[in-house]
Amino acid sequence: MTKFDPSSLKFDDRGLLPAIAQQHDTGEVLMLAWMNADAVAQTLETGKVTYWSRSRSAFWVKGETSGHTQKLIDMRIDCDRDCILVLVDQVGPACHTNRRSCFYTSVLDGEVELSKPME
């Protein structure tokens, strides 16, 4: 085992890379957001998944205001080192629409809504 070096990640020209959140025990894909180097480091240090909000230009700890938290179970990088997979324990909905997953619309046979907002 070698020590992980975050500087080995390949960030885009804005200093970001995509981070896909997946429920660790079911494999359900929950959402995609963005991380910069500090968000990666903060997530690894705290165990609370932290993203970089492009619209607010600020850190965003998932669930900090909503209570719909993501506890880090594992962090994986892809073969090109330009994308992160965070395996999480999601509490409540992951999507800002109050759905479990942001990927709730199928378009294969016309647009179909696969899930309704949680109550």
PDB file of N, CA and C in Angstrom:
ATOM      1  N   MET A   1       0.841  -1.176   0.000  1.00  0.00           N
ATOM      2  CA  MET A   1       0.000   0.000   0.000  1.00  0.00           C
ATOM      3  C   MET A   1       0.892   1.247   0.000  1.00  0.00           C
ATOM      4  N   THR A   2       0.559   2.191  -0.865  1.00  0.00           N
ATOM      5  CA  THR A   2       1.282   3.458  -0.888  1.00  0.00           C
ATOM      6  C   THR A   2       0.355   4.553  -0.394  1.00  0.00           C
ATOM      7  N   LYS A   3       0.927   5.589   0.166  1.00  0.00           N
ATOM      8  CA  LYS A   3       0.155   6.728   0.658  1.00  0.00           C
ATOM      9  C   LYS A   3      -0.459   7.472  -0.522  1.00  0.00           C
ATOM     10  N   PHE A   4      -1.732   7.838  -0.379  1.00  0.00           N
ATOM     11  CA  PHE A   4      -2.424   8.569  -1.440  1.00  0.00           C
ATOM     12  C   PHE A   4      -1.896   9.994  -1.533  1.00  0.00           C
ATOM     13  N   ASP A   5      -1.579  10.403  -2.732  1.00  0.00           N
ATOM     14  CA  ASP A   5      -1.080  11.756  -2.987  1.00  0.00           C
ATOM     15  C   ASP A   5      -2.128  12.512  -3.800  1.00  0.00           C
ATOM     16  N   PRO A   6      -2.922  13.392  -3.159  1.00  0.00           N
ATOM     17  CA  PRO A   6      -3.973  14.122  -3.877  1.00  0.00           C
ATOM     18  C   PRO A   6      -3.447  14.955  -5.048  1.00  0.00           C
ATOM     19  N   SER A   7      -2.177  15.308  -5.023  1.00  0.00           N
ATOM     20  CA  SER A   7      -1.638  16.107  -6.131  1.00  0.00           C
ATOM     21  C   SER A   7      -1.527  15.286  -7.412  1.00  0.00           C
ATOM     22  N   SER A   8      -1.698  13.969  -7.299  1.00  0.00           N
ATOM     23  CA  SER A   8      -1.664  13.110  -8.485  1.00  0.00           C
ATOM     24  C   SER A   8      -2.978  13.141  -9.268  1.00  0.00           C
ATOM     25  N   LEU A   9      -4.007  13.748  -8.692  1.00  0.00           N
ATOM     26  CA  LEU A   9      -5.291  13.858  -9.387  1.00  0.00           C
ATOM     27  C   LEU A   9      -5.193  14.869 -10.512  1.00  0.00           C
ATOM     28  N   LYS A  10      -5.962  14.653 -11.558  1.00  0.00           N
ATOM     29  CA  LYS A  10      -5.938  15.534 -12.730  1.00  0.00           C
ATOM     30  C   LYS A  10      -7.190  16.407 -12.737  1.00  0.00           C
ATOM     31  N   PHE A  11      -7.048  17.583 -12.166  1.00  0.00           N
ATOM     32  CA  PHE A  11      -8.144  18.539 -12.103  1.00  0.00           C
ATOM     33  C   PHE A  11      -8.259  19.283 -13.426  1.00  0.00           C
ATOM     34  N   ASP A  12      -9.462  19.779 -13.725  1.00  0.00           N
ATOM     35  CA  ASP A  12      -9.646  20.531 -14.972  1.00  0.00           C
ATOM     36  C   ASP A  12      -9.058  21.935 -14.831  1.00  0.00           C
ATOM     37  N   ASP A  13      -9.242  22.763 -15.823  1.00  0.00           N
ATOM     38  CA  ASP A  13      -8.640  24.104 -15.812  1.00  0.00           C
ATOM     39  C   ASP A  13      -9.236  25.017 -14.742  1.00  0.00           C
ATOM     40  N   ARG A  14     -10.346  24.604 -14.121  1.00  0.00           N
ATOM     41  CA  ARG A  14     -10.939  25.364 -13.011  1.00  0.00           C
ATOM     42  C   ARG A  14     -10.512  24.794 -11.660  1.00  0.00           C
ATOM     43  N   GLY A  15      -9.682  23.738 -11.710  1.00  0.00           N
ATOM     44  CA  GLY A  15      -9.227  23.106 -10.477  1.00  0.00           C
ATOM     45  C   GLY A  15     -10.246  22.143  -9.895  1.00  0.00           C
ATOM     46  N   LEU A  16     -11.122  21.611 -10.750  1.00  0.00           N
ATOM     47  CA  LEU A  16     -12.198  20.731 -10.294  1.00  0.00           C
ATOM     48  C   LEU A  16     -12.142  19.379 -10.982  1.00  0.00           C
ATOM     49  N   LEU A  17     -12.760  18.398 -10.347  1.00  0.00           N
ATOM     50  CA  LEU A  17     -13.010  17.123 -11.009  1.00  0.00           C
ATOM     51  C   LEU A  17     -14.370  16.604 -10.550  1.00  0.00           C
ATOM     52  N   PRO A  18     -15.031  15.811 -11.412  1.00  0.00           N
ATOM     53  CA  PRO A  18     -16.349  15.298 -11.046  1.00  0.00           C
ATOM     54  C   PRO A  18     -16.233  14.247  -9.954  1.00  0.00           C
ATOM     55  N   ALA A  19     -17.231  14.260  -9.066  1.00  0.00           N
ATOM     56  CA  ALA A  19     -17.309  13.280  -7.988  1.00  0.00           C
ATOM     57  C   ALA A  19     -18.699  12.646  -8.029  1.00  0.00           C
ATOM     58  N   ILE A  20     -18.729  11.356  -8.231  1.00  0.00           N
ATOM     59  CA  ILE A  20     -19.984  10.615  -8.287  1.00  0.00           C
ATOM     60  C   ILE A  20     -20.219   9.996  -6.915  1.00  0.00           C
ATOM     61  N   ALA A  21     -21.408  10.232  -6.357  1.00  0.00           N
ATOM     62  CA  ALA A  21     -21.761   9.648  -5.063  1.00  0.00           C
ATOM     63  C   ALA A  21     -22.620   8.411  -5.301  1.00  0.00           C
ATOM     64  N   GLN A  22     -22.243   7.315  -4.658  1.00  0.00           N
ATOM     65  CA  GLN A  22     -22.934   6.041  -4.793  1.00  0.00           C
ATOM     66  C   GLN A  22     -23.187   5.466  -3.394  1.00  0.00           C
ATOM     67  N   GLN A  23     -24.407   4.969  -3.170  1.00  0.00           N
ATOM     68  CA  GLN A  23     -24.724   4.326  -1.899  1.00  0.00           C
ATOM     69  C   GLN A  23     -23.869   3.069  -1.772  1.00  0.00           C
ATOM     70  N   HIS A  24     -23.125   2.977  -0.696  1.00  0.00           N
ATOM     71  CA  HIS A  24     -22.115   1.913  -0.546  1.00  0.00           C
ATOM     72  C   HIS A  24     -22.683   0.505  -0.522  1.00  0.00           C
ATOM     73  N   ASP A  25     -23.872   0.305   0.031  1.00  0.00           N
ATOM     74  CA  ASP A  25     -24.366  -1.059   0.204  1.00  0.00           C
ATOM     75  C   ASP A  25     -25.333  -1.525  -0.881  1.00  0.00           C
ATOM     76  N   THR A  26     -25.871  -0.593  -1.676  1.00  0.00           N
ATOM     77  CA  THR A  26     -26.819  -0.989  -2.721  1.00  0.00           C
ATOM     78  C   THR A  26     -26.295  -0.740  -4.130  1.00  0.00           C
ATOM     79  N   GLY A  27     -25.263   0.106  -4.247  1.00  0.00           N
ATOM     80  CA  GLY A  27     -24.734   0.456  -5.566  1.00  0.00           C
ATOM     81  C   GLY A  27     -25.534   1.546  -6.264  1.00  0.00           C
ATOM     82  N   GLU A  28     -26.574   2.062  -5.615  1.00  0.00           N
ATOM     83  CA  GLU A  28     -27.409   3.104  -6.219  1.00  0.00           C
ATOM     84  C   GLU A  28     -26.584   4.375  -6.463  1.00  0.00           C
ATOM     85  N   VAL A  29     -26.619   4.871  -7.699  1.00  0.00           N
ATOM     86  CA  VAL A  29     -25.941   6.117  -8.027  1.00  0.00           C
ATOM     87  C   VAL A  29     -26.837   7.261  -7.562  1.00  0.00           C
ATOM     88  N   LEU A  30     -26.297   8.124  -6.719  1.00  0.00           N
ATOM     89  CA  LEU A  30     -27.094   9.161  -6.083  1.00  0.00           C
ATOM     90  C   LEU A  30     -26.994  10.525  -6.757  1.00  0.00           C
ATOM     91  N   MET A  31     -25.779  10.938  -7.075  1.00  0.00           N
ATOM     92  CA  MET A  31     -25.604  12.294  -7.599  1.00  0.00           C
ATOM     93  C   MET A  31     -24.204  12.469  -8.177  1.00  0.00           C
ATOM     94  N   LEU A  32     -24.024  13.569  -8.861  1.00  0.00           N
ATOM     95  CA  LEU A  32     -22.715  13.992  -9.341  1.00  0.00           C
ATOM     96  C   LEU A  32     -22.515  15.432  -8.898  1.00  0.00           C
ATOM     97  N   ALA A  33     -21.367  15.712  -8.355  1.00  0.00           N
ATOM     98  CA  ALA A  33     -21.018  17.076  -7.963  1.00  0.00           C
ATOM     99  C   ALA A  33     -19.537  17.271  -8.283  1.00  0.00           C
ATOM    100  N   TRP A  34     -18.958  18.345  -7.795  1.00  0.00           N
ATOM    101  CA  TRP A  34     -17.574  18.682  -8.122  1.00  0.00           C
ATOM    102  C   TRP A  34     -16.754  18.840  -6.859  1.00  0.00           C
ATOM    103  N   MET A  35     -15.491  18.464  -6.956  1.00  0.00           N
ATOM    104  CA  MET A  35     -14.546  18.630  -5.859  1.00  0.00           C
ATOM    105  C   MET A  35     -13.289  19.323  -6.363  1.00  0.00           C
ATOM    106  N   ASN A  36     -12.723  20.147  -5.504  1.00  0.00           N
ATOM    107  CA  ASN A  36     -11.378  20.658  -5.764  1.00  0.00           C
ATOM    108  C   ASN A  36     -10.448  19.939  -4.783  1.00  0.00           C
ATOM    109  N   ALA A  37      -9.177  20.256  -4.823  1.00  0.00           N
ATOM    110  CA  ALA A  37      -8.206  19.544  -3.987  1.00  0.00           C
ATOM    111  C   ALA A  37      -8.526  19.688  -2.506  1.00  0.00           C
ATOM    112  N   ASP A  38      -8.957  20.863  -2.090  1.00  0.00           N
ATOM    113  CA  ASP A  38      -9.277  21.071  -0.677  1.00  0.00           C
ATOM    114  C   ASP A  38     -10.514  20.289  -0.258  1.00  0.00           C
ATOM    115  N   ALA A  39     -11.499  20.169  -1.149  1.00  0.00           N
ATOM    116  CA  ALA A  39     -12.699  19.380  -0.835  1.00  0.00           C
ATOM    117  C   ALA A  39     -12.339  17.902  -0.683  1.00  0.00           C
ATOM    118  N   VAL A  40     -11.443  17.407  -1.528  1.00  0.00           N
ATOM    119  CA  VAL A  40     -10.975  16.028  -1.408  1.00  0.00           C
ATOM    120  C   VAL A  40     -10.306  15.836  -0.049  1.00  0.00           C
ATOM    121  N   ALA A  41      -9.404  16.740   0.295  1.00  0.00           N
ATOM    122  CA  ALA A  41      -8.674  16.638   1.563  1.00  0.00           C
ATOM    123  C   ALA A  41      -9.626  16.731   2.754  1.00  0.00           C
ATOM    124  N   GLN A  42     -10.567  17.654   2.703  1.00  0.00           N
ATOM    125  CA  GLN A  42     -11.517  17.836   3.800  1.00  0.00           C
ATOM    126  C   GLN A  42     -12.397  16.596   3.963  1.00  0.00           C
ATOM    127  N   THR A  43     -12.837  16.014   2.841  1.00  0.00           N
ATOM    128  CA  THR A  43     -13.654  14.806   2.893  1.00  0.00           C
ATOM    129  C   THR A  43     -12.881  13.667   3.547  1.00  0.00           C
ATOM    130  N   LEU A  44     -11.632  13.472   3.147  1.00  0.00           N
ATOM    131  CA  LEU A  44     -10.814  12.405   3.719  1.00  0.00           C
ATOM    132  C   LEU A  44     -10.531  12.646   5.204  1.00  0.00           C
ATOM    133  N   GLU A  45     -10.355  13.894   5.575  1.00  0.00           N
ATOM    134  CA  GLU A  45     -10.031  14.234   6.964  1.00  0.00           C
ATOM    135  C   GLU A  45     -11.237  14.088   7.892  1.00  0.00           C
ATOM    136  N   THR A  46     -12.420  14.528   7.440  1.00  0.00           N
ATOM    137  CA  THR A  46     -13.594  14.569   8.320  1.00  0.00           C
ATOM    138  C   THR A  46     -14.533  13.378   8.178  1.00  0.00           C
ATOM    139  N   GLY A  47     -14.499  12.711   7.016  1.00  0.00           N
ATOM    140  CA  GLY A  47     -15.456  11.644   6.752  1.00  0.00           C
ATOM    141  C   GLY A  47     -16.821  12.158   6.340  1.00  0.00           C
ATOM    142  N   LYS A  48     -16.958  13.482   6.261  1.00  0.00           N
ATOM    143  CA  LYS A  48     -18.185  14.109   5.772  1.00  0.00           C
ATOM    144  C   LYS A  48     -17.909  14.563   4.340  1.00  0.00           C
ATOM    145  N   VAL A  49     -18.731  14.083   3.386  1.00  0.00           N
ATOM    146  CA  VAL A  49     -18.445  14.379   1.987  1.00  0.00           C
ATOM    147  C   VAL A  49     -18.638  15.864   1.734  1.00  0.00           C
ATOM    148  N   THR A  50     -17.590  16.467   1.197  1.00  0.00           N
ATOM    149  CA  THR A  50     -17.548  17.906   0.957  1.00  0.00           C
ATOM    150  C   THR A  50     -17.302  18.150  -0.522  1.00  0.00           C
ATOM    151  N   TYR A  51     -18.127  18.991  -1.100  1.00  0.00           N
ATOM    152  CA  TYR A  51     -18.024  19.328  -2.520  1.00  0.00           C
ATOM    153  C   TYR A  51     -17.669  20.803  -2.669  1.00  0.00           C
ATOM    154  N   TRP A  52     -17.386  21.196  -3.908  1.00  0.00           N
ATOM    155  CA  TRP A  52     -17.177  22.597  -4.234  1.00  0.00           C
ATOM    156  C   TRP A  52     -18.388  23.058  -5.037  1.00  0.00           C
ATOM    157  N   SER A  53     -19.096  24.045  -4.520  1.00  0.00           N
ATOM    158  CA  SER A  53     -20.256  24.591  -5.215  1.00  0.00           C
ATOM    159  C   SER A  53     -19.781  25.595  -6.254  1.00  0.00           C
ATOM    160  N   ARG A  54     -19.995  25.269  -7.516  1.00  0.00           N
ATOM    161  CA  ARG A  54     -19.586  26.172  -8.596  1.00  0.00           C
ATOM    162  C   ARG A  54     -20.431  27.435  -8.591  1.00  0.00           C
ATOM    163  N   SER A  55     -21.704  27.330  -8.248  1.00  0.00           N
ATOM    164  CA  SER A  55     -22.587  28.510  -8.283  1.00  0.00           C
ATOM    165  C   SER A  55     -22.300  29.468  -7.134  1.00  0.00           C
ATOM    166  N   ARG A  56     -21.908  28.943  -5.990  1.00  0.00           N
ATOM    167  CA  ARG A  56     -21.631  29.802  -4.827  1.00  0.00           C
ATOM    168  C   ARG A  56     -20.150  30.063  -4.616  1.00  0.00           C
ATOM    169  N   SER A  57     -19.305  29.347  -5.358  1.00  0.00           N
ATOM    170  CA  SER A  57     -17.845  29.426  -5.157  1.00  0.00           C
ATOM    171  C   SER A  57     -17.493  29.236  -3.687  1.00  0.00           C
ATOM    172  N   ALA A  58     -18.019  28.130  -3.128  1.00  0.00           N
ATOM    173  CA  ALA A  58     -17.804  27.856  -1.709  1.00  0.00           C
ATOM    174  C   ALA A  58     -17.883  26.356  -1.470  1.00  0.00           C
ATOM    175  N   PHE A  59     -17.318  25.913  -0.342  1.00  0.00           N
ATOM    176  CA  PHE A  59     -17.431  24.517   0.035  1.00  0.00           C
ATOM    177  C   PHE A  59     -18.864  24.198   0.410  1.00  0.00           C
ATOM    178  N   TRP A  60     -19.248  22.958   0.193  1.00  0.00           N
ATOM    179  CA  TRP A  60     -20.595  22.504   0.472  1.00  0.00           C
ATOM    180  C   TRP A  60     -20.478  21.130   1.114  1.00  0.00           C
ATOM    181  N   VAL A  61     -20.695  21.071   2.409  1.00  0.00           N
ATOM    182  CA  VAL A  61     -20.702  19.798   3.124  1.00  0.00           C
ATOM    183  C   VAL A  61     -22.105  19.236   2.970  1.00  0.00           C
ATOM    184  N   LYS A  62     -22.216  18.116   2.283  1.00  0.00           N
ATOM    185  CA  LYS A  62     -23.518  17.540   1.966  1.00  0.00           C
ATOM    186  C   LYS A  62     -24.310  17.309   3.249  1.00  0.00           C
ATOM    187  N   GLY A  63     -25.519  17.896   3.303  1.00  0.00           N
ATOM    188  CA  GLY A  63     -26.412  17.730   4.435  1.00  0.00           C
ATOM    189  C   GLY A  63     -26.240  18.739   5.546  1.00  0.00           C
ATOM    190  N   GLU A  64     -25.301  19.661   5.391  1.00  0.00           N
ATOM    191  CA  GLU A  64     -25.025  20.639   6.444  1.00  0.00           C
ATOM    192  C   GLU A  64     -26.273  21.454   6.802  1.00  0.00           C
ATOM    193  N   THR A  65     -27.072  21.809   5.804  1.00  0.00           N
ATOM    194  CA  THR A  65     -28.289  22.574   6.089  1.00  0.00           C
ATOM    195  C   THR A  65     -29.541  21.713   6.025  1.00  0.00           C
ATOM    196  N   SER A  66     -29.561  20.692   5.172  1.00  0.00           N
ATOM    197  CA  SER A  66     -30.763  19.870   4.987  1.00  0.00           C
ATOM    198  C   SER A  66     -30.854  18.705   5.969  1.00  0.00           C
ATOM    199  N   GLY A  67     -29.718  18.276   6.508  1.00  0.00           N
ATOM    200  CA  GLY A  67     -29.691  17.079   7.340  1.00  0.00           C
ATOM    201  C   GLY A  67     -29.549  15.802   6.532  1.00  0.00           C
ATOM    202  N   HIS A  68     -29.518  15.917   5.199  1.00  0.00           N
ATOM    203  CA  HIS A  68     -29.390  14.762   4.305  1.00  0.00           C
ATOM    204  C   HIS A  68     -27.910  14.508   4.040  1.00  0.00           C
ATOM    205  N   THR A  69     -27.265  13.932   5.018  1.00  0.00           N
ATOM    206  CA  THR A  69     -25.809  13.830   5.025  1.00  0.00           C
ATOM    207  C   THR A  69     -25.286  12.652   4.209  1.00  0.00           C
ATOM    208  N   GLN A  70     -24.019  12.750   3.875  1.00  0.00           N
ATOM    209  CA  GLN A  70     -23.285  11.661   3.238  1.00  0.00           C
ATOM    210  C   GLN A  70     -22.052  11.372   4.083  1.00  0.00           C
ATOM    211  N   LYS A  71     -22.041  10.194   4.695  1.00  0.00           N
ATOM    212  CA  LYS A  71     -20.876   9.747   5.452  1.00  0.00           C
ATOM    213  C   LYS A  71     -19.981   8.971   4.495  1.00  0.00           C
ATOM    214  N   LEU A  72     -18.727   9.329   4.436  1.00  0.00           N
ATOM    215  CA  LEU A  72     -17.769   8.664   3.556  1.00  0.00           C
ATOM    216  C   LEU A  72     -17.483   7.248   4.041  1.00  0.00           C
ATOM    217  N   ILE A  73     -17.670   6.278   3.148  1.00  0.00           N
ATOM    218  CA  ILE A  73     -17.310   4.890   3.421  1.00  0.00           C
ATOM    219  C   ILE A  73     -16.008   4.553   2.706  1.00  0.00           C
ATOM    220  N   ASP A  74     -15.873   5.012   1.459  1.00  0.00           N
ATOM    221  CA  ASP A  74     -14.657   4.781   0.684  1.00  0.00           C
ATOM    222  C   ASP A  74     -14.575   5.851  -0.394  1.00  0.00           C
ATOM    223  N   MET A  75     -13.379   6.160  -0.821  1.00  0.00           N
ATOM    224  CA  MET A  75     -13.163   7.081  -1.941  1.00  0.00           C
ATOM    225  C   MET A  75     -12.287   6.354  -2.944  1.00  0.00           C
ATOM    226  N   ARG A  76     -12.741   6.365  -4.200  1.00  0.00           N
ATOM    227  CA  ARG A  76     -11.994   5.695  -5.266  1.00  0.00           C
ATOM    228  C   ARG A  76     -11.740   6.663  -6.407  1.00  0.00           C
ATOM    229  N   ILE A  77     -10.635   6.451  -7.086  1.00  0.00           N
ATOM    230  CA  ILE A  77     -10.314   7.281  -8.246  1.00  0.00           C
ATOM    231  C   ILE A  77     -10.304   6.399  -9.483  1.00  0.00           C
ATOM    232  N   ASP A  78     -10.645   7.006 -10.619  1.00  0.00           N
ATOM    233  CA  ASP A  78     -10.671   6.215 -11.851  1.00  0.00           C
ATOM    234  C   ASP A  78      -9.262   6.083 -12.424  1.00  0.00           C
ATOM    235  N   CYS A  79      -9.158   5.287 -13.469  1.00  0.00           N
ATOM    236  CA  CYS A  79      -7.859   4.949 -14.057  1.00  0.00           C
ATOM    237  C   CYS A  79      -7.102   6.159 -14.593  1.00  0.00           C
ATOM    238  N   ASP A  80      -7.826   7.180 -15.038  1.00  0.00           N
ATOM    239  CA  ASP A  80      -7.175   8.389 -15.550  1.00  0.00           C
ATOM    240  C   ASP A  80      -6.894   9.411 -14.458  1.00  0.00           C
ATOM    241  N   ARG A  81      -7.376   9.136 -13.245  1.00  0.00           N
ATOM    242  CA  ARG A  81      -7.189  10.006 -12.079  1.00  0.00           C
ATOM    243  C   ARG A  81      -7.883  11.352 -12.256  1.00  0.00           C
ATOM    244  N   ASP A  82      -8.969  11.368 -13.070  1.00  0.00           N
ATOM    245  CA  ASP A  82      -9.675  12.638 -13.295  1.00  0.00           C
ATOM    246  C   ASP A  82     -11.145  12.583 -12.882  1.00  0.00           C
ATOM    247  N   CYS A  83     -11.504  11.570 -12.078  1.00  0.00           N
ATOM    248  CA  CYS A  83     -12.868  11.435 -11.584  1.00  0.00           C
ATOM    249  C   CYS A  83     -12.819  10.662 -10.269  1.00  0.00           C
ATOM    250  N   ILE A  84     -13.701  11.038  -9.356  1.00  0.00           N
ATOM    251  CA  ILE A  84     -13.752  10.389  -8.044  1.00  0.00           C
ATOM    252  C   ILE A  84     -15.098   9.711  -7.873  1.00  0.00           C
ATOM    253  N   LEU A  85     -15.066   8.542  -7.252  1.00  0.00           N
ATOM    254  CA  LEU A  85     -16.274   7.849  -6.826  1.00  0.00           C
ATOM    255  C   LEU A  85     -16.253   7.853  -5.304  1.00  0.00           C
ATOM    256  N   VAL A  86     -17.275   8.444  -4.704  1.00  0.00           N
ATOM    257  CA  VAL A  86     -17.381   8.411  -3.250  1.00  0.00           C
ATOM    258  C   VAL A  86     -18.490   7.437  -2.886  1.00  0.00           C
ATOM    259  N   LEU A  87     -18.103   6.408  -2.163  1.00  0.00           N
ATOM    260  CA  LEU A  87     -19.069   5.450  -1.646  1.00  0.00           C
ATOM    261  C   LEU A  87     -19.518   5.998  -0.296  1.00  0.00           C
ATOM    262  N   VAL A  88     -20.826   6.192  -0.166  1.00  0.00           N
ATOM    263  CA  VAL A  88     -21.347   6.919   0.986  1.00  0.00           C
ATOM    264  C   VAL A  88     -22.453   6.142   1.684  1.00  0.00           C
ATOM    265  N   ASP A  89     -22.726   6.559   2.900  1.00  0.00           N
ATOM    266  CA  ASP A  89     -23.944   6.169   3.592  1.00  0.00           C
ATOM    267  C   ASP A  89     -24.811   7.422   3.570  1.00  0.00           C
ATOM    268  N   GLN A  90     -25.805   7.429   2.690  1.00  0.00           N
ATOM    269  CA  GLN A  90     -26.675   8.583   2.481  1.00  0.00           C
ATOM    270  C   GLN A  90     -27.824   8.550   3.484  1.00  0.00           C
ATOM    271  N   VAL A  91     -28.037   9.658   4.174  1.00  0.00           N
ATOM    272  CA  VAL A  91     -29.182   9.816   5.061  1.00  0.00           C
ATOM    273  C   VAL A  91     -30.183  10.710   4.347  1.00  0.00           C
ATOM    274  N   GLY A  92     -31.375  10.181   4.077  1.00  0.00           N
ATOM    275  CA  GLY A  92     -32.406  10.956   3.395  1.00  0.00           C
ATOM    276  C   GLY A  92     -32.111  11.069   1.912  1.00  0.00           C
ATOM    277  N   PRO A  93     -32.839  11.980   1.237  1.00  0.00           N
ATOM    278  CA  PRO A  93     -32.644  12.151  -0.198  1.00  0.00           C
ATOM    279  C   PRO A  93     -31.296  12.798  -0.512  1.00  0.00           C
ATOM    280  N   ALA A  94     -30.730  12.420  -1.646  1.00  0.00           N
ATOM    281  CA  ALA A  94     -29.472  13.024  -2.093  1.00  0.00           C
ATOM    282  C   ALA A  94     -29.727  14.234  -2.987  1.00  0.00           C
ATOM    283  N   CYS A  95     -30.865  14.246  -3.664  1.00  0.00           N
ATOM    284  CA  CYS A  95     -31.169  15.280  -4.660  1.00  0.00           C
ATOM    285  C   CYS A  95     -31.854  16.487  -4.022  1.00  0.00           C
ATOM    286  N   HIS A  96     -31.553  17.667  -4.547  1.00  0.00           N
ATOM    287  CA  HIS A  96     -32.194  18.889  -4.037  1.00  0.00           C
ATOM    288  C   HIS A  96     -33.698  18.927  -4.337  1.00  0.00           C
ATOM    289  N   THR A  97     -34.176  18.013  -5.193  1.00  0.00           N
ATOM    290  CA  THR A  97     -35.614  17.914  -5.479  1.00  0.00           C
ATOM    291  C   THR A  97     -36.314  17.028  -4.455  1.00  0.00           C
ATOM    292  N   ASN A  98     -35.591  16.592  -3.444  1.00  0.00           N
ATOM    293  CA  ASN A  98     -36.086  15.735  -2.370  1.00  0.00           C
ATOM    294  C   ASN A  98     -36.314  14.293  -2.825  1.00  0.00           C
ATOM    295  N   ARG A  99     -35.604  13.892  -3.862  1.00  0.00           N
ATOM    296  CA  ARG A  99     -35.622  12.496  -4.316  1.00  0.00           C
ATOM    297  C   ARG A  99     -34.360  11.805  -3.828  1.00  0.00           C
ATOM    298  N   ARG A 100     -34.436  10.510  -3.721  1.00  0.00           N
ATOM    299  CA  ARG A 100     -33.289   9.722  -3.254  1.00  0.00           C
ATOM    300  C   ARG A 100     -32.074   9.926  -4.154  1.00  0.00           C
ATOM    301  N   SER A 101     -32.295   9.937  -5.470  1.00  0.00           N
ATOM    302  CA  SER A 101     -31.219  10.081  -6.445  1.00  0.00           C
ATOM    303  C   SER A 101     -31.524  11.227  -7.398  1.00  0.00           C
ATOM    304  N   CYS A 102     -30.494  11.881  -7.873  1.00  0.00           N
ATOM    305  CA  CYS A 102     -30.662  12.923  -8.894  1.00  0.00           C
ATOM    306  C   CYS A 102     -31.005  12.314 -10.253  1.00  0.00           C
ATOM    307  N   PHE A 103     -30.753  11.021 -10.405  1.00  0.00           N
ATOM    308  CA  PHE A 103     -30.967  10.343 -11.684  1.00  0.00           C
ATOM    309  C   PHE A 103     -32.326   9.662 -11.676  1.00  0.00           C
ATOM    310  N   TYR A 104     -33.380  10.463 -11.676  1.00  0.00           N
ATOM    311  CA  TYR A 104     -34.745   9.946 -11.564  1.00  0.00           C
ATOM    312  C   TYR A 104     -35.543  10.046 -12.866  1.00  0.00           C
ATOM    313  N   THR A 105     -34.907  10.439 -13.954  1.00  0.00           N
ATOM    314  CA  THR A 105     -35.610  10.554 -15.234  1.00  0.00           C
ATOM    315  C   THR A 105     -34.956   9.644 -16.269  1.00  0.00           C
ATOM    316  N   SER A 106     -35.760   8.750 -16.850  1.00  0.00           N
ATOM    317  CA  SER A 106     -35.307   7.875 -17.931  1.00  0.00           C
ATOM    318  C   SER A 106     -35.740   8.491 -19.259  1.00  0.00           C
ATOM    319  N   VAL A 107     -34.902   8.379 -20.268  1.00  0.00           N
ATOM    320  CA  VAL A 107     -35.242   8.963 -21.577  1.00  0.00           C
ATOM    321  C   VAL A 107     -35.189   7.940 -22.711  1.00  0.00           C
ATOM    322  N   LEU A 108     -34.974   6.673 -22.399  1.00  0.00           N
ATOM    323  CA  LEU A 108     -34.839   5.642 -23.419  1.00  0.00           C
ATOM    324  C   LEU A 108     -36.083   5.526 -24.298  1.00  0.00           C
ATOM    325  N   ASP A 109     -37.240   5.465 -23.689  1.00  0.00           N
ATOM    326  CA  ASP A 109     -38.508   5.333 -24.429  1.00  0.00           C
ATOM    327  C   ASP A 109     -39.378   6.568 -24.219  1.00  0.00           C
ATOM    328  N   GLY A 110     -38.786   7.746 -24.339  1.00  0.00           N
ATOM    329  CA  GLY A 110     -39.484   8.982 -23.993  1.00  0.00           C
ATOM    330  C   GLY A 110     -39.181   9.296 -22.534  1.00  0.00           C
ATOM    331  N   GLU A 111     -39.412  10.518 -22.149  1.00  0.00           N
ATOM    332  CA  GLU A 111     -39.054  10.937 -20.796  1.00  0.00           C
ATOM    333  C   GLU A 111     -40.037  10.361 -19.778  1.00  0.00           C
ATOM    334  N   VAL A 112     -39.475   9.611 -18.822  1.00  0.00           N
ATOM    335  CA  VAL A 112     -40.281   8.954 -17.791  1.00  0.00           C
ATOM    336  C   VAL A 112     -39.695   9.278 -16.425  1.00  0.00           C
ATOM    337  N   GLU A 113     -40.523   9.788 -15.541  1.00  0.00           N
ATOM    338  CA  GLU A 113     -40.102  10.080 -14.165  1.00  0.00           C
ATOM    339  C   GLU A 113     -40.158   8.774 -13.363  1.00  0.00           C
ATOM    340  N   LEU A 114     -39.002   8.347 -12.857  1.00  0.00           N
ATOM    341  CA  LEU A 114     -38.880   7.062 -12.179  1.00  0.00           C
ATOM    342  C   LEU A 114     -39.224   7.123 -10.697  1.00  0.00           C
ATOM    343  N   SER A 115     -39.114   8.302 -10.100  1.00  0.00           N
ATOM    344  CA  SER A 115     -39.424   8.415  -8.668  1.00  0.00           C
ATOM    345  C   SER A 115     -39.987   9.792  -8.351  1.00  0.00           C
ATOM    346  N   LYS A 116     -40.752   9.826  -7.313  1.00  0.00           N
ATOM    347  CA  LYS A 116     -41.369  11.069  -6.817  1.00  0.00           C
ATOM    348  C   LYS A 116     -40.554  11.586  -5.649  1.00  0.00           C
ATOM    349  N   PRO A 117     -40.700  12.873  -5.307  1.00  0.00           N
ATOM    350  CA  PRO A 117     -40.004  13.393  -4.128  1.00  0.00           C
ATOM    351  C   PRO A 117     -40.416  12.630  -2.866  1.00  0.00           C
ATOM    352  N   MET A 118     -39.476  12.509  -1.949  1.00  0.00           N
ATOM    353  CA  MET A 118     -39.748  11.841  -0.674  1.00  0.00           C
ATOM    354  C   MET A 118     -40.576  12.784   0.194  1.00  0.00           C
ATOM    355  N   GLU A 119     -41.366  12.212   1.058  1.00  0.00           N
ATOM    356  CA  GLU A 119     -42.208  13.041   1.929  1.00  0.00           C
ATOM    357  C   GLU A 119     -41.585  13.257   3.260  1.00  0.00           C
TER     358      GLU A 119
END
